[in-house]
Amino acid sequence: MLKTSQAAKPARRSIAGFALQIGAILIFTSWFAASSAQKLVDPDSVAPEYRAAAEKRRTEQLKIFACSKKADEAKVPRRDRAAHISACLDK
């Protein structure tokens, strides 16, 4: 009986170790996904010939941010969020 119980311990440890590795991978990927969000364009840091386009993109980003904030305040479900933001942008 000692042999079977001792043989089971390494298997349990390897399963637990594998689960910890998977958990760590999921945590790291969620951190990187959150950090890859679009940042606001700074028109001053863009070359002069692209400044007008950068200013236009920044105004679009600010509108999307405002509509997204309104959707958060209205507690819009995730499945309806895109339609809500699109309708807000059309106004």
C-alpha atoms as a PDB file:
ATOM      1  CA  MET A   1       0.000   0.000   0.000  1.00  0.00           C
ATOM      2  CA  LEU A   2       2.833   2.396   0.623  1.00  0.00           C
ATOM      3  CA  LYS A   3       3.980   2.099  -2.948  1.00  0.00           C
ATOM      4  CA  THR A   4       0.661   3.179  -4.443  1.00  0.00           C
ATOM      5  CA  SER A   5       0.192   6.128  -2.104  1.00  0.00           C
ATOM      6  CA  GLN A   6       3.760   7.289  -2.705  1.00  0.00           C
ATOM      7  CA  ALA A   7       3.300   6.950  -6.449  1.00  0.00           C
ATOM      8  CA  ALA A   8       0.150   9.056  -6.323  1.00  0.00           C
ATOM      9  CA  LYS A   9       1.859  12.010  -4.624  1.00  0.00           C
ATOM     10  CA  PRO A  10       4.131  12.959  -7.543  1.00  0.00           C
ATOM     11  CA  ALA A  11       1.187  12.774  -9.927  1.00  0.00           C
ATOM     12  CA  ARG A  12      -0.807  15.129  -7.719  1.00  0.00           C
ATOM     13  CA  ARG A  13       2.124  17.495  -7.481  1.00  0.00           C
ATOM     14  CA  SER A  14       2.606  17.557 -11.219  1.00  0.00           C
ATOM     15  CA  ILE A  15      -1.106  18.251 -11.781  1.00  0.00           C
ATOM     16  CA  ALA A  16      -1.034  21.045  -9.206  1.00  0.00           C
ATOM     17  CA  GLY A  17       2.127  22.475 -10.753  1.00  0.00           C
ATOM     18  CA  PHE A  18       0.547  22.359 -14.192  1.00  0.00           C
ATOM     19  CA  ALA A  19      -2.561  24.136 -12.913  1.00  0.00           C
ATOM     20  CA  LEU A  20      -0.387  26.854 -11.354  1.00  0.00           C
ATOM     21  CA  GLN A  21       1.484  27.329 -14.616  1.00  0.00           C
ATOM     22  CA  ILE A  22      -1.756  27.644 -16.568  1.00  0.00           C
ATOM     23  CA  GLY A  23      -3.048  30.151 -13.997  1.00  0.00           C
ATOM     24  CA  ALA A  24       0.128  32.212 -14.253  1.00  0.00           C
ATOM     25  CA  ILE A  25      -0.097  32.250 -18.047  1.00  0.00           C
ATOM     26  CA  LEU A  26      -3.707  33.434 -17.905  1.00  0.00           C
ATOM     27  CA  ILE A  27      -2.821  36.213 -15.468  1.00  0.00           C
ATOM     28  CA  PHE A  28       0.077  37.449 -17.599  1.00  0.00           C
ATOM     29  CA  THR A  29      -1.969  37.424 -20.810  1.00  0.00           C
ATOM     30  CA  SER A  30      -4.739  39.414 -19.127  1.00  0.00           C
ATOM     31  CA  TRP A  31      -2.203  42.018 -17.990  1.00  0.00           C
ATOM     32  CA  PHE A  32      -0.785  42.360 -21.483  1.00  0.00           C
ATOM     33  CA  ALA A  33      -4.242  42.554 -23.035  1.00  0.00           C
ATOM     34  CA  ALA A  34      -5.177  45.395 -20.703  1.00  0.00           C
ATOM     35  CA  SER A  35      -2.003  47.307 -21.489  1.00  0.00           C
ATOM     36  CA  SER A  36      -2.522  47.047 -25.239  1.00  0.00           C
ATOM     37  CA  ALA A  37      -5.550  49.347 -25.217  1.00  0.00           C
ATOM     38  CA  GLN A  38      -5.406  52.312 -27.570  1.00  0.00           C
ATOM     39  CA  LYS A  39      -3.918  55.435 -26.093  1.00  0.00           C
ATOM     40  CA  LEU A  40      -5.035  58.956 -26.897  1.00  0.00           C
ATOM     41  CA  VAL A  41      -3.195  60.432 -29.848  1.00  0.00           C
ATOM     42  CA  ASP A  42      -1.042  63.444 -29.010  1.00  0.00           C
ATOM     43  CA  PRO A  43      -1.060  65.748 -32.063  1.00  0.00           C
ATOM     44  CA  ASP A  44       2.019  67.586 -30.792  1.00  0.00           C
ATOM     45  CA  SER A  45       4.139  64.420 -30.956  1.00  0.00           C
ATOM     46  CA  VAL A  46       3.257  63.776 -34.620  1.00  0.00           C
ATOM     47  CA  ALA A  47       5.067  65.140 -37.652  1.00  0.00           C
ATOM     48  CA  PRO A  48       3.533  68.424 -38.901  1.00  0.00           C
ATOM     49  CA  GLU A  49       2.173  66.891 -42.119  1.00  0.00           C
ATOM     50  CA  TYR A  50       0.141  64.354 -40.090  1.00  0.00           C
ATOM     51  CA  ARG A  51      -1.008  66.749 -37.367  1.00  0.00           C
ATOM     52  CA  ALA A  52      -4.474  67.408 -38.864  1.00  0.00           C
ATOM     53  CA  ALA A  53      -5.174  63.673 -39.085  1.00  0.00           C
ATOM     54  CA  ALA A  54      -3.925  63.190 -35.518  1.00  0.00           C
ATOM     55  CA  GLU A  55      -6.218  65.938 -34.234  1.00  0.00           C
ATOM     56  CA  LYS A  56      -9.165  64.356 -36.057  1.00  0.00           C
ATOM     57  CA  ARG A  57      -8.348  60.929 -34.584  1.00  0.00           C
ATOM     58  CA  ARG A  58      -8.050  62.417 -31.095  1.00  0.00           C
ATOM     59  CA  THR A  59     -11.509  64.017 -31.340  1.00  0.00           C
ATOM     60  CA  GLU A  60     -12.928  60.647 -32.468  1.00  0.00           C
ATOM     61  CA  GLN A  61     -11.230  58.929 -29.544  1.00  0.00           C
ATOM     62  CA  LEU A  62     -12.631  61.472 -27.085  1.00  0.00           C
ATOM     63  CA  LYS A  63     -16.156  60.996 -28.480  1.00  0.00           C
ATOM     64  CA  ILE A  64     -15.838  57.216 -28.177  1.00  0.00           C
ATOM     65  CA  PHE A  65     -14.530  57.610 -24.627  1.00  0.00           C
ATOM     66  CA  ALA A  66     -17.460  59.855 -23.677  1.00  0.00           C
ATOM     67  CA  CYS A  67     -20.011  57.459 -25.204  1.00  0.00           C
ATOM     68  CA  SER A  68     -18.330  54.530 -23.484  1.00  0.00           C
ATOM     69  CA  LYS A  69     -18.551  56.363 -20.174  1.00  0.00           C
ATOM     70  CA  LYS A  70     -22.264  57.016 -20.793  1.00  0.00           C
ATOM     71  CA  ALA A  71     -22.747  53.300 -21.505  1.00  0.00           C
ATOM     72  CA  ASP A  72     -21.018  52.458 -18.222  1.00  0.00           C
ATOM     73  CA  GLU A  73     -23.228  54.890 -16.309  1.00  0.00           C
ATOM     74  CA  ALA A  74     -26.357  53.477 -17.987  1.00  0.00           C
ATOM     75  CA  LYS A  75     -25.137  49.949 -17.102  1.00  0.00           C
ATOM     76  CA  VAL A  76     -25.588  48.730 -20.678  1.00  0.00           C
ATOM     77  CA  PRO A  77     -24.951  44.963 -21.001  1.00  0.00           C
ATOM     78  CA  ARG A  78     -21.882  43.914 -22.982  1.00  0.00           C
ATOM     79  CA  ARG A  79     -23.957  42.429 -25.797  1.00  0.00           C
ATOM     80  CA  ASP A  80     -25.703  45.801 -26.375  1.00  0.00           C
ATOM     81  CA  ARG A  81     -22.673  48.006 -25.715  1.00  0.00           C
ATOM     82  CA  ALA A  82     -21.489  48.344 -29.336  1.00  0.00           C
ATOM     83  CA  ALA A  83     -24.959  49.326 -30.547  1.00  0.00           C
ATOM     84  CA  HIS A  84     -25.312  51.834 -27.701  1.00  0.00           C
ATOM     85  CA  ILE A  85     -21.952  53.459 -28.433  1.00  0.00           C
ATOM     86  CA  SER A  86     -22.677  53.529 -32.170  1.00  0.00           C
ATOM     87  CA  ALA A  87     -26.034  55.230 -31.570  1.00  0.00           C
ATOM     88  CA  CYS A  88     -24.352  57.708 -29.231  1.00  0.00           C
ATOM     89  CA  LEU A  89     -21.727  58.552 -31.863  1.00  0.00           C
ATOM     90  CA  ASP A  90     -24.421  59.121 -34.493  1.00  0.00           C
ATOM     91  CA  LYS A  91     -26.123  61.773 -32.358  1.00  0.00           C
END
